[in-house]
Amino acid sequence: MRLKAGMFVAALTRRLFAEGGMAAIERRGAEEAGAIFIRIRHRDGSESLAAPAPQTAFDDDHPEDRLFEIRKSRVQESEISELLAREARFDPDIWVVEIETDSPETYLAFAEE
């Protein structure tokens, strides 16, 4: 069974804080099943955006896993903000979580390319 979006976000933020990272909920979405977007801040001031992976990326053996894909990598903050604004107009139930970590793959599962 897949974790509810609110529970996943709470666990992610707690884990980051526990390990010395930073996380903030920028936008609260639907508690049950809102799409989760992760805004990744890098030390050089750039940002990356992890978005929900398409359904085709899911493995039949583990359909409950929450997978992400990098939608934008090391771009300016404004580019990420614009993309998130478009996503929110399309789906007002999205979550946006901002994290600061050198290794997001430690906390998120990414779909294979």
PDB file of N, CA and C in Angstrom:
ATOM      1  N   MET A   1       0.841  -1.181   0.000  1.00  0.00           N
ATOM      2  CA  MET A   1       0.000   0.000   0.000  1.00  0.00           C
ATOM      3  C   MET A   1       0.885   1.242   0.000  1.00  0.00           C
ATOM      4  N   ARG A   2       0.525   2.196  -0.808  1.00  0.00           N
ATOM      5  CA  ARG A   2       1.294   3.426  -0.956  1.00  0.00           C
ATOM      6  C   ARG A   2       0.985   4.389   0.185  1.00  0.00           C
ATOM      7  N   LEU A   3       2.033   5.047   0.700  1.00  0.00           N
ATOM      8  CA  LEU A   3       1.844   6.058   1.744  1.00  0.00           C
ATOM      9  C   LEU A   3       1.052   7.236   1.209  1.00  0.00           C
ATOM     10  N   LYS A   4       0.210   7.809   2.042  1.00  0.00           N
ATOM     11  CA  LYS A   4      -0.499   9.031   1.667  1.00  0.00           C
ATOM     12  C   LYS A   4       0.535  10.137   1.475  1.00  0.00           C
ATOM     13  N   ALA A   5       0.198  11.098   0.629  1.00  0.00           N
ATOM     14  CA  ALA A   5       1.130  12.173   0.300  1.00  0.00           C
ATOM     15  C   ALA A   5       1.591  12.920   1.547  1.00  0.00           C
ATOM     16  N   GLY A   6       0.658  13.268   2.431  1.00  0.00           N
ATOM     17  CA  GLY A   6       1.012  14.007   3.640  1.00  0.00           C
ATOM     18  C   GLY A   6       1.967  13.237   4.529  1.00  0.00           C
ATOM     19  N   MET A   7       1.778  11.935   4.630  1.00  0.00           N
ATOM     20  CA  MET A   7       2.659  11.086   5.438  1.00  0.00           C
ATOM     21  C   MET A   7       4.053  10.990   4.807  1.00  0.00           C
ATOM     22  N   PHE A   8       4.100  10.862   3.476  1.00  0.00           N
ATOM     23  CA  PHE A   8       5.386  10.794   2.780  1.00  0.00           C
ATOM     24  C   PHE A   8       6.178  12.074   3.003  1.00  0.00           C
ATOM     25  N   VAL A   9       5.514  13.215   2.869  1.00  0.00           N
ATOM     26  CA  VAL A   9       6.182  14.508   3.045  1.00  0.00           C
ATOM     27  C   VAL A   9       6.680  14.665   4.485  1.00  0.00           C
ATOM     28  N   ALA A  10       5.861  14.293   5.454  1.00  0.00           N
ATOM     29  CA  ALA A  10       6.262  14.386   6.861  1.00  0.00           C
ATOM     30  C   ALA A  10       7.491  13.517   7.131  1.00  0.00           C
ATOM     31  N   ALA A  11       7.500  12.303   6.602  1.00  0.00           N
ATOM     32  CA  ALA A  11       8.637  11.403   6.803  1.00  0.00           C
ATOM     33  C   ALA A  11       9.892  11.945   6.125  1.00  0.00           C
ATOM     34  N   LEU A  12       9.740  12.490   4.930  1.00  0.00           N
ATOM     35  CA  LEU A  12      10.882  13.054   4.203  1.00  0.00           C
ATOM     36  C   LEU A  12      11.495  14.217   4.970  1.00  0.00           C
ATOM     37  N   THR A  13      10.662  15.142   5.427  1.00  0.00           N
ATOM     38  CA  THR A  13      11.190  16.307   6.136  1.00  0.00           C
ATOM     39  C   THR A  13      11.845  15.901   7.461  1.00  0.00           C
ATOM     40  N   ARG A  14      11.247  14.987   8.184  1.00  0.00           N
ATOM     41  CA  ARG A  14      11.844  14.531   9.449  1.00  0.00           C
ATOM     42  C   ARG A  14      13.175  13.844   9.229  1.00  0.00           C
ATOM     43  N   ARG A  15      13.239  13.035   8.203  1.00  0.00           N
ATOM     44  CA  ARG A  15      14.503  12.336   7.923  1.00  0.00           C
ATOM     45  C   ARG A  15      15.614  13.315   7.560  1.00  0.00           C
ATOM     46  N   LEU A  16      15.281  14.304   6.746  1.00  0.00           N
ATOM     47  CA  LEU A  16      16.288  15.310   6.381  1.00  0.00           C
ATOM     48  C   LEU A  16      16.773  16.074   7.615  1.00  0.00           C
ATOM     49  N   PHE A  17      15.837  16.521   8.446  1.00  0.00           N
ATOM     50  CA  PHE A  17      16.222  17.235   9.665  1.00  0.00           C
ATOM     51  C   PHE A  17      17.075  16.364  10.580  1.00  0.00           C
ATOM     52  N   ALA A  18      16.708  15.108  10.721  1.00  0.00           N
ATOM     53  CA  ALA A  18      17.438  14.189  11.599  1.00  0.00           C
ATOM     54  C   ALA A  18      18.872  13.980  11.136  1.00  0.00           C
ATOM     55  N   GLU A  19      19.101  14.089   9.832  1.00  0.00           N
ATOM     56  CA  GLU A  19      20.434  13.867   9.286  1.00  0.00           C
ATOM     57  C   GLU A  19      21.162  15.168   8.966  1.00  0.00           C
ATOM     58  N   GLY A  20      20.655  16.287   9.498  1.00  0.00           N
ATOM     59  CA  GLY A  20      21.348  17.565   9.345  1.00  0.00           C
ATOM     60  C   GLY A  20      21.026  18.340   8.089  1.00  0.00           C
ATOM     61  N   GLY A  21      20.055  17.882   7.314  1.00  0.00           N
ATOM     62  CA  GLY A  21      19.662  18.598   6.106  1.00  0.00           C
ATOM     63  C   GLY A  21      18.566  19.611   6.412  1.00  0.00           C
ATOM     64  N   MET A  22      18.065  20.266   5.386  1.00  0.00           N
ATOM     65  CA  MET A  22      17.005  21.252   5.536  1.00  0.00           C
ATOM     66  C   MET A  22      15.859  20.872   4.616  1.00  0.00           C
ATOM     67  N   ALA A  23      14.645  21.046   5.116  1.00  0.00           N
ATOM     68  CA  ALA A  23      13.451  20.800   4.308  1.00  0.00           C
ATOM     69  C   ALA A  23      12.355  21.755   4.748  1.00  0.00           C
ATOM     70  N   ALA A  24      11.548  22.171   3.801  1.00  0.00           N
ATOM     71  CA  ALA A  24      10.418  23.047   4.107  1.00  0.00           C
ATOM     72  C   ALA A  24       9.271  22.712   3.154  1.00  0.00           C
ATOM     73  N   ILE A  25       8.073  22.767   3.680  1.00  0.00           N
ATOM     74  CA  ILE A  25       6.896  22.560   2.838  1.00  0.00           C
ATOM     75  C   ILE A  25       6.505  23.924   2.283  1.00  0.00           C
ATOM     76  N   GLU A  26       6.685  24.073   0.999  1.00  0.00           N
ATOM     77  CA  GLU A  26       6.390  25.339   0.331  1.00  0.00           C
ATOM     78  C   GLU A  26       4.912  25.447  -0.033  1.00  0.00           C
ATOM     79  N   ARG A  27       4.320  24.304  -0.337  1.00  0.00           N
ATOM     80  CA  ARG A  27       2.899  24.280  -0.708  1.00  0.00           C
ATOM     81  C   ARG A  27       2.304  22.953  -0.255  1.00  0.00           C
ATOM     82  N   ARG A  28       1.210  23.038   0.490  1.00  0.00           N
ATOM     83  CA  ARG A  28       0.497  21.830   0.929  1.00  0.00           C
ATOM     84  C   ARG A  28      -0.527  21.450  -0.120  1.00  0.00           C
ATOM     85  N   GLY A  29      -0.513  20.183  -0.458  1.00  0.00           N
ATOM     86  CA  GLY A  29      -1.454  19.689  -1.442  1.00  0.00           C
ATOM     87  C   GLY A  29      -2.497  18.801  -0.789  1.00  0.00           C
ATOM     88  N   ALA A  30      -3.107  17.970  -1.592  1.00  0.00           N
ATOM     89  CA  ALA A  30      -4.112  17.032  -1.094  1.00  0.00           C
ATOM     90  C   ALA A  30      -3.439  16.022  -0.176  1.00  0.00           C
ATOM     91  N   GLU A  31      -3.975  15.878   1.006  1.00  0.00           N
ATOM     92  CA  GLU A  31      -3.396  15.005   2.036  1.00  0.00           C
ATOM     93  C   GLU A  31      -3.334  13.549   1.579  1.00  0.00           C
ATOM     94  N   GLU A  32      -4.341  13.104   0.879  1.00  0.00           N
ATOM     95  CA  GLU A  32      -4.430  11.698   0.482  1.00  0.00           C
ATOM     96  C   GLU A  32      -3.507  11.342  -0.675  1.00  0.00           C
ATOM     97  N   ALA A  33      -3.586  12.093  -1.754  1.00  0.00           N
ATOM     98  CA  ALA A  33      -2.884  11.653  -2.960  1.00  0.00           C
ATOM     99  C   ALA A  33      -2.401  12.784  -3.856  1.00  0.00           C
ATOM    100  N   GLY A  34      -2.057  13.932  -3.301  1.00  0.00           N
ATOM    101  CA  GLY A  34      -1.542  15.016  -4.124  1.00  0.00           C
ATOM    102  C   GLY A  34      -0.183  14.672  -4.711  1.00  0.00           C
ATOM    103  N   ALA A  35       0.083  15.127  -5.926  1.00  0.00           N
ATOM    104  CA  ALA A  35       1.387  14.915  -6.553  1.00  0.00           C
ATOM    105  C   ALA A  35       2.432  15.705  -5.767  1.00  0.00           C
ATOM    106  N   ILE A  36       3.609  15.122  -5.599  1.00  0.00           N
ATOM    107  CA  ILE A  36       4.665  15.749  -4.800  1.00  0.00           C
ATOM    108  C   ILE A  36       5.805  16.168  -5.715  1.00  0.00           C
ATOM    109  N   PHE A  37       6.141  17.450  -5.670  1.00  0.00           N
ATOM    110  CA  PHE A  37       7.278  18.000  -6.399  1.00  0.00           C
ATOM    111  C   PHE A  37       8.331  18.404  -5.376  1.00  0.00           C
ATOM    112  N   ILE A  38       9.588  18.065  -5.655  1.00  0.00           N
ATOM    113  CA  ILE A  38      10.672  18.357  -4.734  1.00  0.00           C
ATOM    114  C   ILE A  38      11.608  19.370  -5.378  1.00  0.00           C
ATOM    115  N   ARG A  39      11.716  20.516  -4.749  1.00  0.00           N
ATOM    116  CA  ARG A  39      12.605  21.585  -5.199  1.00  0.00           C
ATOM    117  C   ARG A  39      13.939  21.374  -4.469  1.00  0.00           C
ATOM    118  N   ILE A  40      14.992  21.089  -5.209  1.00  0.00           N
ATOM    119  CA  ILE A  40      16.295  20.776  -4.621  1.00  0.00           C
ATOM    120  C   ILE A  40      17.216  21.978  -4.800  1.00  0.00           C
ATOM    121  N   ARG A  41      17.620  22.571  -3.671  1.00  0.00           N
ATOM    122  CA  ARG A  41      18.542  23.713  -3.714  1.00  0.00           C
ATOM    123  C   ARG A  41      19.978  23.208  -3.604  1.00  0.00           C
ATOM    124  N   HIS A  42      20.828  23.751  -4.466  1.00  0.00           N
ATOM    125  CA  HIS A  42      22.239  23.388  -4.469  1.00  0.00           C
ATOM    126  C   HIS A  42      23.070  24.517  -3.862  1.00  0.00           C
ATOM    127  N   ARG A  43      24.255  24.177  -3.406  1.00  0.00           N
ATOM    128  CA  ARG A  43      25.126  25.169  -2.749  1.00  0.00           C
ATOM    129  C   ARG A  43      25.539  26.315  -3.665  1.00  0.00           C
ATOM    130  N   ASP A  44      25.564  26.074  -4.973  1.00  0.00           N
ATOM    131  CA  ASP A  44      25.972  27.123  -5.908  1.00  0.00           C
ATOM    132  C   ASP A  44      24.839  28.092  -6.252  1.00  0.00           C
ATOM    133  N   GLY A  45      23.665  27.924  -5.628  1.00  0.00           N
ATOM    134  CA  GLY A  45      22.540  28.823  -5.865  1.00  0.00           C
ATOM    135  C   GLY A  45      21.572  28.333  -6.929  1.00  0.00           C
ATOM    136  N   SER A  46      21.940  27.287  -7.649  1.00  0.00           N
ATOM    137  CA  SER A  46      21.028  26.743  -8.651  1.00  0.00           C
ATOM    138  C   SER A  46      20.039  25.794  -7.986  1.00  0.00           C
ATOM    139  N   GLU A  47      19.043  25.376  -8.749  1.00  0.00           N
ATOM    140  CA  GLU A  47      18.024  24.455  -8.245  1.00  0.00           C
ATOM    141  C   GLU A  47      17.747  23.363  -9.266  1.00  0.00           C
ATOM    142  N   SER A  48      17.270  22.254  -8.753  1.00  0.00           N
ATOM    143  CA  SER A  48      16.777  21.165  -9.599  1.00  0.00           C
ATOM    144  C   SER A  48      15.355  20.869  -9.151  1.00  0.00           C
ATOM    145  N   LEU A  49      14.584  20.238 -10.026  1.00  0.00           N
ATOM    146  CA  LEU A  49      13.212  19.889  -9.680  1.00  0.00           C
ATOM    147  C   LEU A  49      12.987  18.409  -9.916  1.00  0.00           C
ATOM    148  N   ALA A  50      12.591  17.717  -8.853  1.00  0.00           N
ATOM    149  CA  ALA A  50      12.197  16.311  -8.947  1.00  0.00           C
ATOM    150  C   ALA A  50      10.676  16.277  -8.989  1.00  0.00           C
ATOM    151  N   ALA A  51      10.147  15.603  -9.991  1.00  0.00           N
ATOM    152  CA  ALA A  51       8.701  15.513 -10.185  1.00  0.00           C
ATOM    153  C   ALA A  51       8.294  14.040 -10.165  1.00  0.00           C
ATOM    154  N   PRO A  52       7.005  13.775  -9.957  1.00  0.00           N
ATOM    155  CA  PRO A  52       6.564  12.373  -9.998  1.00  0.00           C
ATOM    156  C   PRO A  52       6.923  11.740 -11.339  1.00  0.00           C
ATOM    157  N   ALA A  53       7.473  10.539 -11.288  1.00  0.00           N
ATOM    158  CA  ALA A  53       7.826   9.821 -12.514  1.00  0.00           C
ATOM    159  C   ALA A  53       6.551   9.368 -13.218  1.00  0.00           C
ATOM    160  N   PRO A  54       6.589   9.245 -14.537  1.00  0.00           N
ATOM    161  CA  PRO A  54       5.408   8.758 -15.256  1.00  0.00           C
ATOM    162  C   PRO A  54       5.100   7.308 -14.880  1.00  0.00           C
ATOM    163  N   GLN A  55       3.867   6.919 -15.026  1.00  0.00           N
ATOM    164  CA  GLN A  55       3.427   5.563 -14.664  1.00  0.00           C
ATOM    165  C   GLN A  55       4.239   4.477 -15.366  1.00  0.00           C
ATOM    166  N   THR A  56       4.750   4.768 -16.557  1.00  0.00           N
ATOM    167  CA  THR A  56       5.519   3.767 -17.294  1.00  0.00           C
ATOM    168  C   THR A  56       6.841   3.428 -16.614  1.00  0.00           C
ATOM    169  N   ALA A  57       7.284   4.267 -15.683  1.00  0.00           N
ATOM    170  CA  ALA A  57       8.549   4.031 -14.984  1.00  0.00           C
ATOM    171  C   ALA A  57       8.414   3.074 -13.813  1.00  0.00           C
ATOM    172  N   PHE A  58       7.185   2.758 -13.429  1.00  0.00           N
ATOM    173  CA  PHE A  58       6.970   1.906 -12.262  1.00  0.00           C
ATOM    174  C   PHE A  58       7.213   0.448 -12.595  1.00  0.00           C
ATOM    175  N   ASP A  59       7.786  -0.246 -11.635  1.00  0.00           N
ATOM    176  CA  ASP A  59       8.102  -1.665 -11.748  1.00  0.00           C
ATOM    177  C   ASP A  59       6.892  -2.474 -11.283  1.00  0.00           C
ATOM    178  N   ASP A  60       6.541  -3.499 -12.001  1.00  0.00           N
ATOM    179  CA  ASP A  60       5.399  -4.339 -11.628  1.00  0.00           C
ATOM    180  C   ASP A  60       5.596  -5.023 -10.274  1.00  0.00           C
ATOM    181  N   ASP A  61       6.847  -5.271  -9.905  1.00  0.00           N
ATOM    182  CA  ASP A  61       7.133  -5.917  -8.620  1.00  0.00           C
ATOM    183  C   ASP A  61       6.953  -4.982  -7.430  1.00  0.00           C
ATOM    184  N   HIS A  62       7.066  -3.682  -7.653  1.00  0.00           N
ATOM    185  CA  HIS A  62       6.958  -2.689  -6.575  1.00  0.00           C
ATOM    186  C   HIS A  62       6.073  -1.521  -6.998  1.00  0.00           C
ATOM    187  N   PRO A  63       4.800  -1.747  -7.274  1.00  0.00           N
ATOM    188  CA  PRO A  63       3.925  -0.679  -7.774  1.00  0.00           C
ATOM    189  C   PRO A  63       3.623   0.399  -6.731  1.00  0.00           C
ATOM    190  N   GLU A  64       3.868   0.116  -5.450  1.00  0.00           N
ATOM    191  CA  GLU A  64       3.536   1.087  -4.414  1.00  0.00           C
ATOM    192  C   GLU A  64       4.628   2.139  -4.209  1.00  0.00           C
ATOM    193  N   ASP A  65       5.812   1.923  -4.754  1.00  0.00           N
ATOM    194  CA  ASP A  65       6.922   2.850  -4.547  1.00  0.00           C
ATOM    195  C   ASP A  65       6.633   4.211  -5.177  1.00  0.00           C
ATOM    196  N   ARG A  66       7.096   5.245  -4.520  1.00  0.00           N
ATOM    197  CA  ARG A  66       6.970   6.601  -5.033  1.00  0.00           C
ATOM    198  C   ARG A  66       8.260   6.920  -5.779  1.00  0.00           C
ATOM    199  N   LEU A  67       8.178   7.104  -7.069  1.00  0.00           N
ATOM    200  CA  LEU A  67       9.348   7.369  -7.893  1.00  0.00           C
ATOM    201  C   LEU A  67       9.320   8.805  -8.390  1.00  0.00           C
ATOM    202  N   PHE A  68      10.515   9.360  -8.548  1.00  0.00           N
ATOM    203  CA  PHE A  68      10.659  10.722  -9.047  1.00  0.00           C
ATOM    204  C   PHE A  68      11.558  10.714 -10.273  1.00  0.00           C
ATOM    205  N   GLU A  69      11.447  11.781 -11.051  1.00  0.00           N
ATOM    206  CA  GLU A  69      12.356  12.022 -12.168  1.00  0.00           C
ATOM    207  C   GLU A  69      12.841  13.457 -12.062  1.00  0.00           C
ATOM    208  N   ILE A  70      14.049  13.711 -12.517  1.00  0.00           N
ATOM    209  CA  ILE A  70      14.549  15.083 -12.527  1.00  0.00           C
ATOM    210  C   ILE A  70      13.967  15.773 -13.750  1.00  0.00           C
ATOM    211  N   ARG A  71      13.123  16.752 -13.500  1.00  0.00           N
ATOM    212  CA  ARG A  71      12.468  17.483 -14.584  1.00  0.00           C
ATOM    213  C   ARG A  71      13.353  18.639 -15.056  1.00  0.00           C
ATOM    214  N   LYS A  72      14.028  19.295 -14.126  1.00  0.00           N
ATOM    215  CA  LYS A  72      14.973  20.378 -14.437  1.00  0.00           C
ATOM    216  C   LYS A  72      16.208  20.152 -13.573  1.00  0.00           C
ATOM    217  N   SER A  73      17.371  20.415 -14.120  1.00  0.00           N
ATOM    218  CA  SER A  73      18.599  20.186 -13.367  1.00  0.00           C
ATOM    219  C   SER A  73      19.489  21.419 -13.375  1.00  0.00           C
ATOM    220  N   ARG A  74      19.803  21.903 -12.181  1.00  0.00           N
ATOM    221  CA  ARG A  74      20.733  23.022 -11.961  1.00  0.00           C
ATOM    222  C   ARG A  74      20.427  24.227 -12.844  1.00  0.00           C
ATOM    223  N   VAL A  75      19.229  24.756 -12.647  1.00  0.00           N
ATOM    224  CA  VAL A  75      18.782  25.952 -13.368  1.00  0.00           C
ATOM    225  C   VAL A  75      18.523  27.069 -12.352  1.00  0.00           C
ATOM    226  N   GLN A  76      18.192  28.232 -12.848  1.00  0.00           N
ATOM    227  CA  GLN A  76      17.888  29.365 -11.985  1.00  0.00           C
ATOM    228  C   GLN A  76      16.567  29.144 -11.247  1.00  0.00           C
ATOM    229  N   GLU A  77      16.451  29.737 -10.074  1.00  0.00           N
ATOM    230  CA  GLU A  77      15.258  29.607  -9.235  1.00  0.00           C
ATOM    231  C   GLU A  77      13.988  30.004  -9.989  1.00  0.00           C
ATOM    232  N   SER A  78      14.067  31.056 -10.794  1.00  0.00           N
ATOM    233  CA  SER A  78      12.889  31.547 -11.511  1.00  0.00           C
ATOM    234  C   SER A  78      12.327  30.503 -12.478  1.00  0.00           C
ATOM    235  N   GLU A  79      13.193  29.715 -13.076  1.00  0.00           N
ATOM    236  CA  GLU A  79      12.746  28.683 -14.013  1.00  0.00           C
ATOM    237  C   GLU A  79      11.931  27.599 -13.288  1.00  0.00           C
ATOM    238  N   ILE A  80      12.377  27.227 -12.102  1.00  0.00           N
ATOM    239  CA  ILE A  80      11.654  26.240 -11.294  1.00  0.00           C
ATOM    240  C   ILE A  80      10.326  26.837 -10.832  1.00  0.00           C
ATOM    241  N   SER A  81      10.357  28.094 -10.384  1.00  0.00           N
ATOM    242  CA  SER A  81       9.130  28.760  -9.916  1.00  0.00           C
ATOM    243  C   SER A  81       8.075  28.827 -11.009  1.00  0.00           C
ATOM    244  N   GLU A  82       8.482  29.146 -12.226  1.00  0.00           N
ATOM    245  CA  GLU A  82       7.544  29.216 -13.351  1.00  0.00           C
ATOM    246  C   GLU A  82       6.930  27.854 -13.647  1.00  0.00           C
ATOM    247  N   LEU A  83       7.758  26.815 -13.648  1.00  0.00           N
ATOM    248  CA  LEU A  83       7.252  25.468 -13.915  1.00  0.00           C
ATOM    249  C   LEU A  83       6.267  25.043 -12.834  1.00  0.00           C
ATOM    250  N   LEU A  84       6.584  25.324 -11.573  1.00  0.00           N
ATOM    251  CA  LEU A  84       5.689  24.956 -10.475  1.00  0.00           C
ATOM    252  C   LEU A  84       4.379  25.739 -10.523  1.00  0.00           C
ATOM    253  N   ALA A  85       4.434  26.994 -10.935  1.00  0.00           N
ATOM    254  CA  ALA A  85       3.216  27.794 -11.069  1.00  0.00           C
ATOM    255  C   ALA A  85       2.298  27.187 -12.137  1.00  0.00           C
ATOM    256  N   ARG A  86       2.877  26.737 -13.253  1.00  0.00           N
ATOM    257  CA  ARG A  86       2.076  26.081 -14.307  1.00  0.00           C
ATOM    258  C   ARG A  86       1.463  24.784 -13.789  1.00  0.00           C
ATOM    259  N   GLU A  87       2.260  24.008 -13.064  1.00  0.00           N
ATOM    260  CA  GLU A  87       1.748  22.748 -12.505  1.00  0.00           C
ATOM    261  C   GLU A  87       0.592  23.014 -11.537  1.00  0.00           C
ATOM    262  N   ALA A  88       0.715  24.048 -10.701  1.00  0.00           N
ATOM    263  CA  ALA A  88      -0.325  24.368  -9.713  1.00  0.00           C
ATOM    264  C   ALA A  88      -1.608  24.848 -10.394  1.00  0.00           C
ATOM    265  N   ARG A  89      -1.488  25.545 -11.523  1.00  0.00           N
ATOM    266  CA  ARG A  89      -2.690  25.953 -12.263  1.00  0.00           C
ATOM    267  C   ARG A  89      -3.387  24.730 -12.852  1.00  0.00           C
ATOM    268  N   PHE A  90      -2.608  23.768 -13.292  1.00  0.00           N
ATOM    269  CA  PHE A  90      -3.150  22.538 -13.872  1.00  0.00           C
ATOM    270  C   PHE A  90      -3.753  21.637 -12.787  1.00  0.00           C
ATOM    271  N   ASP A  91      -3.057  21.532 -11.645  1.00  0.00           N
ATOM    272  CA  ASP A  91      -3.495  20.666 -10.549  1.00  0.00           C
ATOM    273  C   ASP A  91      -3.284  21.397  -9.223  1.00  0.00           C
ATOM    274  N   PRO A  92      -4.317  21.988  -8.655  1.00  0.00           N
ATOM    275  CA  PRO A  92      -4.159  22.757  -7.410  1.00  0.00           C
ATOM    276  C   PRO A  92      -3.861  21.898  -6.181  1.00  0.00           C
ATOM    277  N   ASP A  93      -3.874  20.584  -6.308  1.00  0.00           N
ATOM    278  CA  ASP A  93      -3.631  19.693  -5.171  1.00  0.00           C
ATOM    279  C   ASP A  93      -2.175  19.267  -5.017  1.00  0.00           C
ATOM    280  N   ILE A  94      -1.238  19.893  -5.754  1.00  0.00           N
ATOM    281  CA  ILE A  94       0.164  19.464  -5.676  1.00  0.00           C
ATOM    282  C   ILE A  94       0.822  19.904  -4.374  1.00  0.00           C
ATOM    283  N   TRP A  95       1.826  19.147  -3.978  1.00  0.00           N
ATOM    284  CA  TRP A  95       2.705  19.487  -2.860  1.00  0.00           C
ATOM    285  C   TRP A  95       4.005  20.003  -3.464  1.00  0.00           C
ATOM    286  N   VAL A  96       4.623  20.988  -2.806  1.00  0.00           N
ATOM    287  CA  VAL A  96       5.961  21.428  -3.181  1.00  0.00           C
ATOM    288  C   VAL A  96       6.794  21.414  -1.910  1.00  0.00           C
ATOM    289  N   VAL A  97       7.845  20.606  -1.935  1.00  0.00           N
ATOM    290  CA  VAL A  97       8.745  20.490  -0.796  1.00  0.00           C
ATOM    291  C   VAL A  97      10.118  20.956  -1.248  1.00  0.00           C
ATOM    292  N   GLU A  98      10.702  21.832  -0.479  1.00  0.00           N
ATOM    293  CA  GLU A  98      12.033  22.340  -0.783  1.00  0.00           C
ATOM    294  C   GLU A  98      13.035  21.653   0.131  1.00  0.00           C
ATOM    295  N   ILE A  99      14.110  21.143  -0.467  1.00  0.00           N
ATOM    296  CA  ILE A  99      15.145  20.504   0.338  1.00  0.00           C
ATOM    297  C   ILE A  99      16.516  21.069  -0.035  1.00  0.00           C
ATOM    298  N   GLU A 100      17.415  21.017   0.924  1.00  0.00           N
ATOM    299  CA  GLU A 100      18.818  21.354   0.679  1.00  0.00           C
ATOM    300  C   GLU A 100      19.635  20.148   1.095  1.00  0.00           C
ATOM    301  N   THR A 101      20.216  19.502   0.114  1.00  0.00           N
ATOM    302  CA  THR A 101      21.057  18.338   0.374  1.00  0.00           C
ATOM    303  C   THR A 101      21.981  18.138  -0.814  1.00  0.00           C
ATOM    304  N   ASP A 102      23.155  17.606  -0.544  1.00  0.00           N
ATOM    305  CA  ASP A 102      24.090  17.317  -1.628  1.00  0.00           C
ATOM    306  C   ASP A 102      23.764  16.005  -2.323  1.00  0.00           C
ATOM    307  N   SER A 103      22.913  15.192  -1.693  1.00  0.00           N
ATOM    308  CA  SER A 103      22.603  13.884  -2.281  1.00  0.00           C
ATOM    309  C   SER A 103      21.117  13.555  -2.151  1.00  0.00           C
ATOM    310  N   PRO A 104      20.281  14.135  -3.020  1.00  0.00           N
ATOM    311  CA  PRO A 104      18.837  13.863  -2.947  1.00  0.00           C
ATOM    312  C   PRO A 104      18.500  12.391  -3.159  1.00  0.00           C
ATOM    313  N   GLU A 105      19.359  11.662  -3.849  1.00  0.00           N
ATOM    314  CA  GLU A 105      19.103  10.234  -4.084  1.00  0.00           C
ATOM    315  C   GLU A 105      19.125   9.429  -2.789  1.00  0.00           C
ATOM    316  N   THR A 106      19.671   9.995  -1.720  1.00  0.00           N
ATOM    317  CA  THR A 106      19.635   9.345  -0.416  1.00  0.00           C
ATOM    318  C   THR A 106      18.220   9.318   0.130  1.00  0.00           C
ATOM    319  N   TYR A 107      17.411  10.298  -0.227  1.00  0.00           N
ATOM    320  CA  TYR A 107      16.071  10.461   0.349  1.00  0.00           C
ATOM    321  C   TYR A 107      14.944  10.145  -0.620  1.00  0.00           C
ATOM    322  N   LEU A 108      15.236  10.146  -1.915  1.00  0.00           N
ATOM    323  CA  LEU A 108      14.204   9.943  -2.933  1.00  0.00           C
ATOM    324  C   LEU A 108      14.598   8.810  -3.872  1.00  0.00           C
ATOM    325  N   ALA A 109      13.610   8.056  -4.325  1.00  0.00           N
ATOM    326  CA  ALA A 109      13.849   7.021  -5.324  1.00  0.00           C
ATOM    327  C   ALA A 109      13.645   7.632  -6.708  1.00  0.00           C
ATOM    328  N   PHE A 110      14.641   7.510  -7.558  1.00  0.00           N
ATOM    329  CA  PHE A 110      14.539   8.058  -8.904  1.00  0.00           C
ATOM    330  C   PHE A 110      14.352   6.935  -9.911  1.00  0.00           C
ATOM    331  N   ALA A 111      13.501   7.194 -10.896  1.00  0.00           N
ATOM    332  CA  ALA A 111      13.250   6.218 -11.968  1.00  0.00           C
ATOM    333  C   ALA A 111      14.488   6.092 -12.820  1.00  0.00           C
ATOM    334  N   GLU A 112      14.723   4.889 -13.303  1.00  0.00           N
ATOM    335  CA  GLU A 112      15.847   4.655 -14.198  1.00  0.00           C
ATOM    336  C   GLU A 112      15.544   5.319 -15.542  1.00  0.00           C
ATOM    337  N   GLU A 113      16.577   5.856 -16.149  1.00  0.00           N
ATOM    338  CA  GLU A 113      16.378   6.533 -17.442  1.00  0.00           C
ATOM    339  C   GLU A 113      16.286   5.568 -18.567  1.00  0.00           C
TER     340      GLU A 113
END
